[in-house]
N, C-alpha and C. Protein backbone atom coordinates (compact mmCIF):
# COMPACT_ATOMS: atom_id res chain seq x y z
N MET A 1 104.33 96.32 111.28
CA MET A 1 104.14 95.03 110.02
C MET A 1 103.33 93.78 110.15
N LEU A 2 102.50 93.49 109.22
CA LEU A 2 101.71 92.30 109.86
C LEU A 2 102.48 90.98 109.49
N ARG A 3 103.68 90.84 109.03
CA ARG A 3 104.05 89.41 108.47
C ARG A 3 103.95 88.67 109.38
N ASP A 4 104.37 88.78 110.84
CA ASP A 4 104.36 87.69 111.96
C ASP A 4 103.18 87.28 112.26
N ARG A 5 101.78 88.32 112.07
CA ARG A 5 100.28 87.63 112.45
C ARG A 5 99.58 87.68 111.69
N PHE A 6 100.25 87.79 110.14
CA PHE A 6 99.12 87.36 109.27
C PHE A 6 99.45 86.61 108.49
N GLU A 7 98.69 85.40 108.37
CA GLU A 7 98.99 84.20 107.34
C GLU A 7 98.05 84.41 106.15
N CYS A 8 98.88 84.84 105.24
CA CYS A 8 97.86 85.11 103.74
C CYS A 8 97.43 83.90 103.46
N ARG A 9 95.86 83.67 103.00
CA ARG A 9 95.59 83.04 102.73
C ARG A 9 95.18 83.20 101.21
N CYS A 10 95.46 84.27 100.28
CA CYS A 10 94.97 84.75 99.37
C CYS A 10 95.10 83.98 98.01
N VAL A 11 94.45 84.21 97.12
CA VAL A 11 94.20 83.47 95.57
C VAL A 11 95.70 83.29 95.09
N LEU A 12 96.85 83.80 95.51
CA LEU A 12 97.96 83.85 95.04
C LEU A 12 98.91 82.24 95.63
N CYS A 13 98.60 82.53 97.29
CA CYS A 13 99.50 81.55 98.03
C CYS A 13 98.37 79.98 98.08
N HIS A 14 97.72 80.23 97.70
CA HIS A 14 96.78 78.96 97.82
C HIS A 14 95.95 78.69 96.55
N GLY A 15 96.01 77.44 96.10
CA GLY A 15 95.12 76.98 94.90
C GLY A 15 93.85 76.42 95.39
N TYR A 16 92.87 77.38 95.16
CA TYR A 16 91.92 76.99 95.06
C TYR A 16 90.74 76.23 94.19
N GLY A 17 91.76 76.18 93.45
CA GLY A 17 90.76 75.26 91.81
C GLY A 17 89.81 76.43 91.08
N ASP A 18 90.09 77.57 91.62
CA ASP A 18 89.09 78.32 90.58
C ASP A 18 89.41 79.68 90.10
N ARG A 19 90.64 79.87 89.81
CA ARG A 19 91.40 80.54 88.79
C ARG A 19 90.34 80.89 87.61
N ALA A 20 89.95 79.64 87.03
CA ALA A 20 89.88 79.87 85.72
C ALA A 20 88.44 80.57 85.57
N GLU A 21 87.57 80.95 86.96
CA GLU A 21 86.44 81.15 87.01
C GLU A 21 86.50 82.83 87.18
N THR A 22 87.33 83.32 87.46
CA THR A 22 88.09 84.84 87.82
C THR A 22 87.02 85.34 86.90
N ASP A 23 86.51 86.81 87.32
CA ASP A 23 86.07 87.75 86.29
C ASP A 23 87.02 88.61 85.65
N HIS A 24 86.78 89.63 85.09
CA HIS A 24 87.92 90.32 84.55
C HIS A 24 88.41 91.28 85.59
N MET A 25 87.80 91.74 86.73
CA MET A 25 87.83 92.60 87.85
C MET A 25 89.15 91.59 88.62
N ASP A 26 88.86 90.44 89.08
CA ASP A 26 89.69 89.60 89.65
C ASP A 26 90.66 89.36 88.93
N GLY A 27 90.38 89.10 87.55
CA GLY A 27 91.88 88.97 86.90
C GLY A 27 92.86 90.19 86.96
N ARG A 28 92.45 91.49 87.11
CA ARG A 28 93.00 92.61 87.04
C ARG A 28 93.64 92.75 88.69
N ILE A 29 93.02 92.23 89.52
CA ILE A 29 93.50 92.50 90.53
C ILE A 29 94.70 91.45 91.02
N ILE A 30 94.56 90.21 90.39
CA ILE A 30 95.79 89.44 90.58
C ILE A 30 97.01 90.20 89.93
N SER A 31 96.77 90.42 88.68
CA SER A 31 98.05 90.86 87.92
C SER A 31 98.53 92.08 88.36
N ASP A 32 97.49 93.02 88.79
CA ASP A 32 98.42 94.25 89.78
C ASP A 32 98.97 93.46 90.68
N VAL A 33 98.58 93.03 91.72
CA VAL A 33 99.33 92.53 92.92
C VAL A 33 100.76 91.65 92.45
N GLN A 34 100.18 90.94 91.46
CA GLN A 34 101.80 90.27 90.86
C GLN A 34 102.97 91.22 90.27
N ARG A 35 102.49 92.05 89.82
CA ARG A 35 103.12 93.41 88.78
C ARG A 35 103.57 94.12 89.61
N HIS A 36 102.96 94.74 90.39
CA HIS A 36 103.00 96.10 91.16
C HIS A 36 103.01 95.92 92.69
N GLY A 37 102.89 94.84 93.54
CA GLY A 37 102.37 94.77 95.00
C GLY A 37 101.09 95.04 95.35
N TRP A 38 100.54 95.42 94.91
CA TRP A 38 99.04 95.95 94.93
C TRP A 38 97.96 96.36 94.28
N HIS A 39 96.77 96.20 94.45
CA HIS A 39 95.81 96.74 93.61
C HIS A 39 95.04 98.06 94.31
N VAL A 40 94.80 98.87 93.36
CA VAL A 40 93.60 99.88 94.18
C VAL A 40 92.42 99.95 93.60
N VAL A 41 91.26 99.63 94.43
CA VAL A 41 90.18 99.80 93.87
C VAL A 41 89.31 100.69 94.36
N MET A 42 88.58 101.44 93.20
CA MET A 42 88.20 102.81 93.47
C MET A 42 86.67 102.23 93.20
N VAL A 43 85.54 102.99 94.24
CA VAL A 43 84.52 102.87 94.08
C VAL A 43 83.96 104.59 93.72
N PRO A 44 83.39 104.85 92.55
CA PRO A 44 83.22 106.33 92.68
C PRO A 44 81.90 106.89 93.19
N GLU A 45 81.83 108.51 93.62
CA GLU A 45 80.33 108.78 94.48
C GLU A 45 79.55 108.01 93.37
N ASP A 46 78.24 107.77 94.20
CA ASP A 46 76.93 107.66 93.13
C ASP A 46 75.80 108.23 93.85
N GLU A 47 74.53 107.89 93.55
CA GLU A 47 73.31 108.38 94.44
C GLU A 47 73.18 107.96 95.68
N ILE A 48 73.94 106.55 95.91
CA ILE A 48 73.86 106.52 97.18
C ILE A 48 74.66 106.61 98.26
N GLY A 49 76.09 107.33 97.86
CA GLY A 49 76.70 107.83 98.78
C GLY A 49 78.17 108.49 98.13
N PRO A 50 79.21 109.16 98.97
CA PRO A 50 80.34 109.55 98.60
C PRO A 50 81.08 108.32 98.11
N GLY A 51 82.30 108.56 97.38
CA GLY A 51 83.18 107.61 96.72
C GLY A 51 84.41 107.22 97.78
N PHE A 52 84.95 106.28 97.65
CA PHE A 52 85.90 105.75 98.35
C PHE A 52 87.11 104.82 97.74
N ALA A 53 87.78 104.17 98.25
CA ALA A 53 88.99 103.68 97.40
C ALA A 53 89.76 102.51 98.67
N TYR A 54 90.45 101.33 98.18
CA TYR A 54 91.00 100.58 99.08
C TYR A 54 91.84 99.81 98.41
N THR A 55 92.82 99.38 98.97
CA THR A 55 93.91 98.42 98.59
C THR A 55 93.83 97.09 98.60
N ILE A 56 94.19 96.13 97.75
CA ILE A 56 94.28 94.72 97.97
C ILE A 56 96.07 94.44 97.26
N GLY A 57 96.26 93.65 98.27
CA GLY A 57 97.66 93.31 98.06
C GLY A 57 98.96 93.45 98.79
N LEU A 58 98.51 94.62 99.54
CA LEU A 58 99.70 95.00 100.57
C LEU A 58 99.91 94.09 101.73
N ALA A 59 98.61 93.48 101.96
CA ALA A 59 99.25 92.50 103.40
C ALA A 59 100.01 91.39 102.80
N HIS A 60 99.68 90.86 101.54
CA HIS A 60 100.34 89.85 100.90
C HIS A 60 101.66 90.15 100.51
N THR A 61 102.09 91.02 99.99
CA THR A 61 103.07 91.30 99.49
C THR A 61 104.14 91.86 100.34
N HIS A 62 103.97 92.71 101.15
CA HIS A 62 104.54 93.73 102.09
C HIS A 62 104.20 93.36 103.54
N GLY A 63 103.50 92.66 103.90
CA GLY A 63 103.28 92.23 105.55
C GLY A 63 102.49 93.70 106.11
N ALA A 64 101.87 94.57 104.97
CA ALA A 64 101.58 95.71 105.46
C ALA A 64 99.85 95.72 105.78
N PRO A 65 99.41 96.30 106.53
CA PRO A 65 97.63 96.49 106.53
C PRO A 65 97.31 96.87 104.95
N GLU A 66 96.20 96.88 104.97
CA GLU A 66 95.42 97.37 103.71
C GLU A 66 94.81 98.56 104.00
N LEU A 67 94.58 99.44 102.94
CA LEU A 67 94.57 100.90 103.46
C LEU A 67 93.22 101.06 102.79
N CYS A 68 92.36 102.18 103.08
CA CYS A 68 91.36 102.80 102.44
C CYS A 68 91.19 103.98 102.80
N THR A 69 90.55 104.90 101.70
CA THR A 69 90.18 106.30 102.22
C THR A 69 88.63 106.64 101.54
N PHE A 70 88.18 107.43 102.20
CA PHE A 70 86.75 107.87 101.81
C PHE A 70 86.74 109.45 101.51
N GLY A 71 85.70 109.71 100.55
CA GLY A 71 84.82 111.03 100.84
C GLY A 71 85.80 112.10 99.65
N ARG A 72 86.71 112.11 98.61
CA ARG A 72 87.18 112.47 97.70
C ARG A 72 87.61 112.16 96.35
N ASP A 73 87.99 112.68 95.35
CA ASP A 73 87.46 112.34 94.28
C ASP A 73 88.39 110.79 94.10
N VAL A 74 87.89 110.02 93.24
CA VAL A 74 88.34 108.33 93.43
C VAL A 74 89.75 108.67 92.76
N HIS A 75 90.13 109.32 91.94
CA HIS A 75 91.27 109.31 91.07
C HIS A 75 92.58 109.88 92.25
N GLU A 76 92.17 110.91 93.05
CA GLU A 76 92.80 111.86 94.17
C GLU A 76 93.27 110.42 95.11
N MET A 77 92.23 109.81 95.42
CA MET A 77 92.40 108.95 96.69
C MET A 77 93.02 107.55 96.17
N HIS A 78 93.05 107.19 94.88
CA HIS A 78 93.89 106.31 94.26
C HIS A 78 95.26 106.91 94.56
N ARG A 79 95.88 107.83 93.79
CA ARG A 79 97.05 108.31 93.97
C ARG A 79 97.58 108.51 95.62
N MET A 80 96.92 108.86 96.59
CA MET A 80 97.08 108.93 97.87
C MET A 80 97.47 107.38 98.54
N LEU A 81 96.65 106.43 98.09
CA LEU A 81 96.73 105.15 98.43
C LEU A 81 98.16 104.56 97.95
N ASN A 82 98.18 104.58 96.86
CA ASN A 82 99.71 104.43 95.86
C ASN A 82 100.61 105.00 96.42
N ALA A 83 100.79 106.71 96.96
CA ALA A 83 101.92 107.32 98.01
C ALA A 83 102.17 106.29 99.17
N LEU A 84 101.02 106.20 99.97
CA LEU A 84 101.16 105.41 100.95
C LEU A 84 101.37 103.94 100.98
N GLY A 85 101.26 103.21 99.84
CA GLY A 85 101.54 101.69 99.34
C GLY A 85 103.07 101.95 99.24
N ASP A 86 103.73 103.13 98.35
CA ASP A 86 105.36 102.85 98.27
C ASP A 86 105.77 103.10 99.32
N LEU A 87 105.50 103.66 100.52
CA LEU A 87 105.88 104.01 101.72
C LEU A 87 105.92 102.55 102.60
N ALA A 88 104.98 101.94 102.37
CA ALA A 88 104.91 100.65 103.15
C ALA A 88 105.92 99.61 102.14
N ALA A 89 105.76 99.61 101.27
CA ALA A 89 106.61 98.92 100.08
C ALA A 89 108.45 99.17 100.52
N THR A 90 108.48 100.38 100.99
CA THR A 90 110.21 100.65 101.53
C THR A 90 110.54 101.02 102.82
N GLY A 91 109.17 100.47 103.83
CA GLY A 91 109.25 100.65 105.30
C GLY A 91 109.84 101.93 105.42
N ALA A 92 109.38 102.82 104.70
CA ALA A 92 109.98 104.31 104.97
C ALA A 92 109.01 104.75 106.46
N ALA A 93 109.71 105.76 107.16
CA ALA A 93 109.18 105.92 108.61
C ALA A 93 108.07 106.86 108.46
N SER A 94 107.20 107.08 109.31
CA SER A 94 106.12 108.21 109.22
C SER A 94 106.42 109.55 109.75
N THR A 95 106.07 110.59 109.61
CA THR A 95 106.56 111.64 110.00
C THR A 95 106.51 112.03 111.39
N ASP A 96 106.14 110.95 112.20
CA ASP A 96 106.18 111.26 113.77
C ASP A 96 107.34 110.29 114.26
N GLY A 97 108.19 109.88 113.08
CA GLY A 97 109.33 109.71 113.63
C GLY A 97 109.26 107.98 113.85
N GLN A 98 108.17 107.32 113.81
CA GLN A 98 108.18 105.87 114.03
C GLN A 98 108.44 105.22 112.90
N GLU A 99 109.27 103.93 113.10
CA GLU A 99 109.95 103.19 112.04
C GLU A 99 108.78 102.39 111.18
N ASP A 100 107.87 101.94 111.72
CA ASP A 100 106.78 101.53 110.95
C ASP A 100 105.81 102.54 110.77
N GLY A 101 105.99 102.74 109.32
CA GLY A 101 104.88 104.17 109.09
C GLY A 101 103.29 103.45 108.98
N GLN A 102 102.99 102.47 109.13
CA GLN A 102 101.67 102.01 108.91
C GLN A 102 101.08 101.22 110.07
N GLU A 103 100.73 102.14 110.77
CA GLU A 103 99.87 101.68 112.39
C GLU A 103 99.22 102.96 112.86
N ASP A 104 98.18 102.41 113.76
CA ASP A 104 97.03 103.27 114.03
C ASP A 104 97.36 104.40 114.81
N GLY A 105 97.42 105.56 114.38
CA GLY A 105 97.59 106.89 115.20
C GLY A 105 98.48 107.57 114.53
N GLN A 106 99.10 106.82 113.15
CA GLN A 106 100.62 107.10 112.46
C GLN A 106 100.19 108.53 111.48
N GLU A 107 100.69 109.75 111.13
CA GLU A 107 100.73 110.65 110.71
C GLU A 107 101.67 110.57 109.26
N HIS A 108 101.06 110.70 108.18
CA HIS A 108 101.75 110.88 107.08
C HIS A 108 101.75 112.39 106.65
N GLU A 109 102.98 112.91 106.20
CA GLU A 109 102.55 114.61 105.64
C GLU A 109 103.00 114.36 103.98
N GLY A 110 101.79 115.56 103.57
CA GLY A 110 102.17 115.76 101.48
C GLY A 110 101.51 114.72 101.11
N VAL A 111 100.65 113.96 101.70
CA VAL A 111 99.91 112.94 100.87
C VAL A 111 98.34 113.49 100.40
N VAL A 112 97.71 114.35 100.65
CA VAL A 112 96.52 115.05 100.16
C VAL A 112 96.88 116.84 100.48
N ASP A 113 96.77 116.99 99.77
CA ASP A 113 97.21 118.73 99.29
C ASP A 113 98.16 119.37 100.24
N GLY A 114 99.34 118.48 100.18
CA GLY A 114 100.35 118.98 101.00
C GLY A 114 100.44 118.89 102.52
N GLY A 115 99.45 118.47 102.88
CA GLY A 115 98.79 118.37 104.32
C GLY A 115 99.04 116.77 104.94
N PRO A 116 98.70 116.60 106.21
CA PRO A 116 98.75 115.31 106.69
C PRO A 116 97.76 114.53 106.49
N VAL A 117 98.15 112.88 106.69
CA VAL A 117 96.94 112.24 106.64
C VAL A 117 97.29 111.47 107.96
N ARG A 118 96.15 110.81 108.73
CA ARG A 118 96.29 110.20 110.11
C ARG A 118 95.57 108.86 110.01
N LEU A 119 96.20 107.95 110.15
CA LEU A 119 95.85 106.41 110.18
C LEU A 119 95.14 105.94 111.37
N ARG A 120 93.90 105.26 111.08
CA ARG A 120 93.23 104.63 111.91
C ARG A 120 92.61 103.47 111.73
N SER A 121 92.93 102.18 112.77
CA SER A 121 92.55 100.99 112.74
C SER A 121 91.26 100.76 112.67
N VAL A 122 90.80 100.19 111.49
CA VAL A 122 89.27 99.73 111.08
C VAL A 122 89.05 98.60 111.61
N ASP A 123 87.68 98.78 112.50
CA ASP A 123 87.22 97.39 113.14
C ASP A 123 86.71 96.47 112.15
N MET A 124 86.98 95.09 112.32
CA MET A 124 86.94 94.33 110.97
C MET A 124 85.41 94.03 110.93
N ARG A 125 84.45 94.43 111.91
CA ARG A 125 83.05 94.20 111.02
C ARG A 125 82.98 94.82 110.23
N TRP A 126 83.45 95.72 109.74
CA TRP A 126 83.18 96.81 108.51
C TRP A 126 83.29 96.14 106.93
N CYS A 127 84.20 95.17 107.43
CA CYS A 127 84.88 94.64 105.88
C CYS A 127 84.04 93.88 105.34
N ARG A 128 82.80 93.43 105.47
CA ARG A 128 81.67 92.91 104.59
C ARG A 128 81.02 94.07 103.85
N THR A 129 80.81 95.35 104.48
CA THR A 129 80.32 96.40 104.01
C THR A 129 80.97 96.88 102.89
N PHE A 130 82.19 97.29 102.73
CA PHE A 130 83.24 97.80 102.16
C PHE A 130 84.11 97.24 101.44
N PHE A 131 84.63 96.16 101.80
CA PHE A 131 85.72 95.75 101.12
C PHE A 131 85.59 94.40 100.41
N GLY A 132 84.55 93.95 99.98
CA GLY A 132 84.40 92.60 99.53
C GLY A 132 84.84 92.07 97.93
N ARG A 133 85.58 93.03 97.51
CA ARG A 133 86.50 92.27 96.50
C ARG A 133 87.87 92.05 97.51
N ALA A 134 88.13 92.66 98.43
CA ALA A 134 89.68 92.23 99.03
C ALA A 134 89.44 90.80 99.85
N ILE A 135 88.04 90.60 100.60
CA ILE A 135 87.84 89.53 100.90
C ILE A 135 87.54 88.51 100.09
N GLY A 136 87.27 88.70 98.46
CA GLY A 136 87.35 87.54 97.48
C GLY A 136 88.97 87.00 97.30
N PHE A 137 89.81 88.14 97.32
CA PHE A 137 91.42 87.85 97.03
C PHE A 137 92.02 87.28 98.13
N TYR A 138 91.76 87.71 99.30
CA TYR A 138 91.97 86.97 100.58
C TYR A 138 91.48 85.78 101.24
N ARG A 139 90.23 85.23 100.71
CA ARG A 139 89.47 84.19 100.90
C ARG A 139 88.81 84.16 102.59
N ARG A 140 88.74 85.48 102.79
CA ARG A 140 88.44 85.53 104.20
C ARG A 140 88.26 86.67 104.76
N PRO A 141 87.30 87.16 105.74
CA PRO A 141 87.40 88.43 106.19
C PRO A 141 87.79 87.78 107.91
N PRO A 142 88.35 88.60 108.72
CA PRO A 142 88.34 90.07 108.76
C PRO A 142 89.62 90.11 108.17
N LEU A 143 90.19 91.37 107.73
CA LEU A 143 91.14 91.76 107.51
C LEU A 143 92.16 92.81 107.77
N PRO A 144 93.38 93.03 108.05
CA PRO A 144 93.85 94.22 108.43
C PRO A 144 94.03 95.06 107.78
N PHE A 145 92.99 96.28 107.79
CA PHE A 145 92.78 97.61 107.12
C PHE A 145 93.18 98.99 108.32
N LEU A 146 94.00 100.00 107.43
CA LEU A 146 93.52 101.18 108.22
C LEU A 146 92.76 102.06 107.27
N GLN A 147 92.53 102.82 108.04
CA GLN A 147 91.47 104.06 107.27
C GLN A 147 92.36 105.40 107.05
N VAL A 148 92.83 105.93 106.03
CA VAL A 148 93.61 106.98 105.76
C VAL A 148 92.73 107.97 105.92
N THR A 149 93.03 108.77 106.76
CA THR A 149 91.76 110.09 107.05
C THR A 149 92.33 111.37 106.71
N TRP A 150 91.97 112.19 106.29
CA TRP A 150 92.32 113.61 106.03
C TRP A 150 91.40 114.72 106.61
N PRO A 151 92.41 116.16 106.52
CA PRO A 151 91.58 116.93 107.58
C PRO A 151 90.90 118.30 106.76
N ASP A 152 90.05 119.11 107.39
CA ASP A 152 89.54 119.81 106.59
C ASP A 152 90.60 120.84 106.42
N ALA A 153 89.87 122.32 105.82
CA ALA A 153 91.06 123.22 105.34
C ALA A 153 91.58 123.93 106.52
N GLY A 154 90.92 123.99 107.76
CA GLY A 154 91.35 124.18 108.49
C GLY A 154 92.83 123.24 109.56
N GLY A 155 92.79 122.24 109.00
CA GLY A 155 93.82 121.15 109.81
C GLY A 155 92.94 120.25 110.34
N ARG A 156 91.71 120.30 110.96
CA ARG A 156 91.13 119.31 111.68
C ARG A 156 90.32 117.99 111.06
N PHE A 157 90.42 117.04 111.63
CA PHE A 157 90.30 115.90 111.39
C PHE A 157 88.53 115.58 111.58
N HIS A 158 87.75 115.01 110.83
CA HIS A 158 86.57 114.84 110.57
C HIS A 158 85.68 114.50 111.88
N TRP A 159 86.45 113.80 112.77
CA TRP A 159 86.02 113.44 114.08
C TRP A 159 86.25 114.40 115.55
N GLU A 160 87.31 115.41 115.07
CA GLU A 160 87.52 116.34 115.93
C GLU A 160 86.16 117.45 116.02
N GLU A 161 85.97 118.36 117.15
CA GLU A 161 84.72 118.86 117.38
C GLU A 161 84.70 120.01 116.88
N ARG A 162 85.89 120.61 116.34
CA ARG A 162 85.85 121.61 116.00
C ARG A 162 85.69 121.80 113.99
N ALA A 163 85.75 120.73 113.74
CA ALA A 163 85.94 120.20 112.18
C ALA A 163 84.98 121.19 111.75
N ASP A 164 85.06 121.10 110.13
CA ASP A 164 83.73 122.00 109.91
C ASP A 164 82.47 120.66 109.52
N GLU A 165 81.53 121.35 109.62
CA GLU A 165 80.09 120.49 109.24
C GLU A 165 80.14 119.30 108.28
N ASP A 166 80.50 119.84 107.06
CA ASP A 166 80.40 118.94 105.93
C ASP A 166 81.12 118.26 105.98
N HIS A 167 82.42 118.28 106.30
CA HIS A 167 83.83 117.46 106.54
C HIS A 167 83.38 116.47 107.64
N ARG A 168 82.48 116.52 108.52
CA ARG A 168 82.27 115.70 109.36
C ARG A 168 81.45 114.18 108.77
N GLU A 169 80.77 114.80 107.76
CA GLU A 169 80.06 113.30 106.96
C GLU A 169 80.66 113.13 106.13
N SER A 170 82.18 113.74 105.43
CA SER A 170 83.02 113.08 104.39
C SER A 170 83.34 111.82 104.43
N GLN A 171 83.59 111.12 105.90
CA GLN A 171 84.79 110.09 105.99
C GLN A 171 83.66 109.34 106.98
N PRO A 172 83.50 107.73 106.85
CA PRO A 172 83.19 107.63 108.06
C PRO A 172 84.09 107.21 109.12
N ARG A 173 83.73 106.59 110.19
CA ARG A 173 84.54 106.39 111.35
C ARG A 173 84.84 104.80 111.75
N LEU A 174 85.53 104.24 110.62
CA LEU A 174 85.62 103.01 110.61
C LEU A 174 86.21 102.42 111.70
N TRP A 175 86.87 102.91 112.73
CA TRP A 175 87.43 102.39 114.05
C TRP A 175 86.23 102.11 114.95
N LEU A 176 85.01 102.74 114.78
CA LEU A 176 84.15 102.45 115.62
C LEU A 176 83.46 101.06 115.55
N PRO A 177 83.18 100.31 116.41
CA PRO A 177 82.16 99.52 115.85
C PRO A 177 80.90 99.78 115.07
N PRO A 178 80.19 99.18 114.32
CA PRO A 178 79.18 99.88 113.43
C PRO A 178 78.18 99.84 114.29
N ASP A 179 77.59 99.54 115.41
CA ASP A 179 76.54 99.94 115.98
C ASP A 179 76.95 101.35 116.82
N ASP A 180 78.18 101.81 116.76
CA ASP A 180 77.99 102.91 117.71
C ASP A 180 78.69 104.20 116.86
N HIS A 181 78.46 103.62 115.53
CA HIS A 181 78.92 104.85 114.50
C HIS A 181 77.62 105.48 114.39
N PRO A 182 77.94 106.95 114.28
CA PRO A 182 77.08 108.15 113.78
C PRO A 182 76.10 107.73 113.11
N VAL A 183 74.90 107.96 113.24
CA VAL A 183 73.95 107.65 111.79
C VAL A 183 74.36 108.67 110.87
N GLY A 184 73.87 108.18 109.42
CA GLY A 184 74.64 109.11 108.49
C GLY A 184 74.87 108.39 106.90
N VAL A 185 75.51 109.00 106.25
CA VAL A 185 75.55 108.41 104.61
C VAL A 185 76.11 106.85 104.89
N TRP A 186 77.07 106.60 105.76
CA TRP A 186 78.02 105.43 105.76
C TRP A 186 77.28 104.46 106.46
N THR A 187 76.14 104.74 107.27
CA THR A 187 75.51 103.50 107.98
C THR A 187 73.92 103.62 107.17
N ALA A 188 74.05 104.07 106.10
CA ALA A 188 72.68 103.67 105.13
C ALA A 188 72.15 102.38 104.68
N GLU A 189 73.34 101.71 104.43
CA GLU A 189 73.39 100.28 104.22
C GLU A 189 73.64 99.08 105.15
N LEU A 190 73.61 99.60 106.29
CA LEU A 190 73.51 98.68 107.57
C LEU A 190 72.34 98.26 108.15
């Protein structure tokens, strides 16, 4: 958990004097965080690249890292992140038996297609590329994020040598610094 090391500077903890100027989306984020503990931003697939989704509010409400996932239907990713958000909220153990289920390398079963997902720490230099609404809510980068990765039909994660070729491009490798990331759809905007 982050509560000991993360000093929340979000718009709920501090009066920045600009709440009246929030747009509809910012208002929805604030409302969801107050009501549910977090909000899930869904960015649908488009002509530029695959879709992705990420949470805003887990660090504020539960002292847990924010979560992100990529390359699936946005509604499915929304459900995945909510399931993992619920685990963070209850402090449930991960499937590898570790008490804090929100750390780099931990796995959770049954989140996607009945199989495991693995959490990977996001290099903070990716925050501005993907998590703009979270920066607006917390009023600062970098933010603590974990990437929720999912395996191919054979149970291999996208960074593993034997993963299906299509699967390798389905998700970025945000634990790598941007300059070290393999060139592809996820680095096109850099």
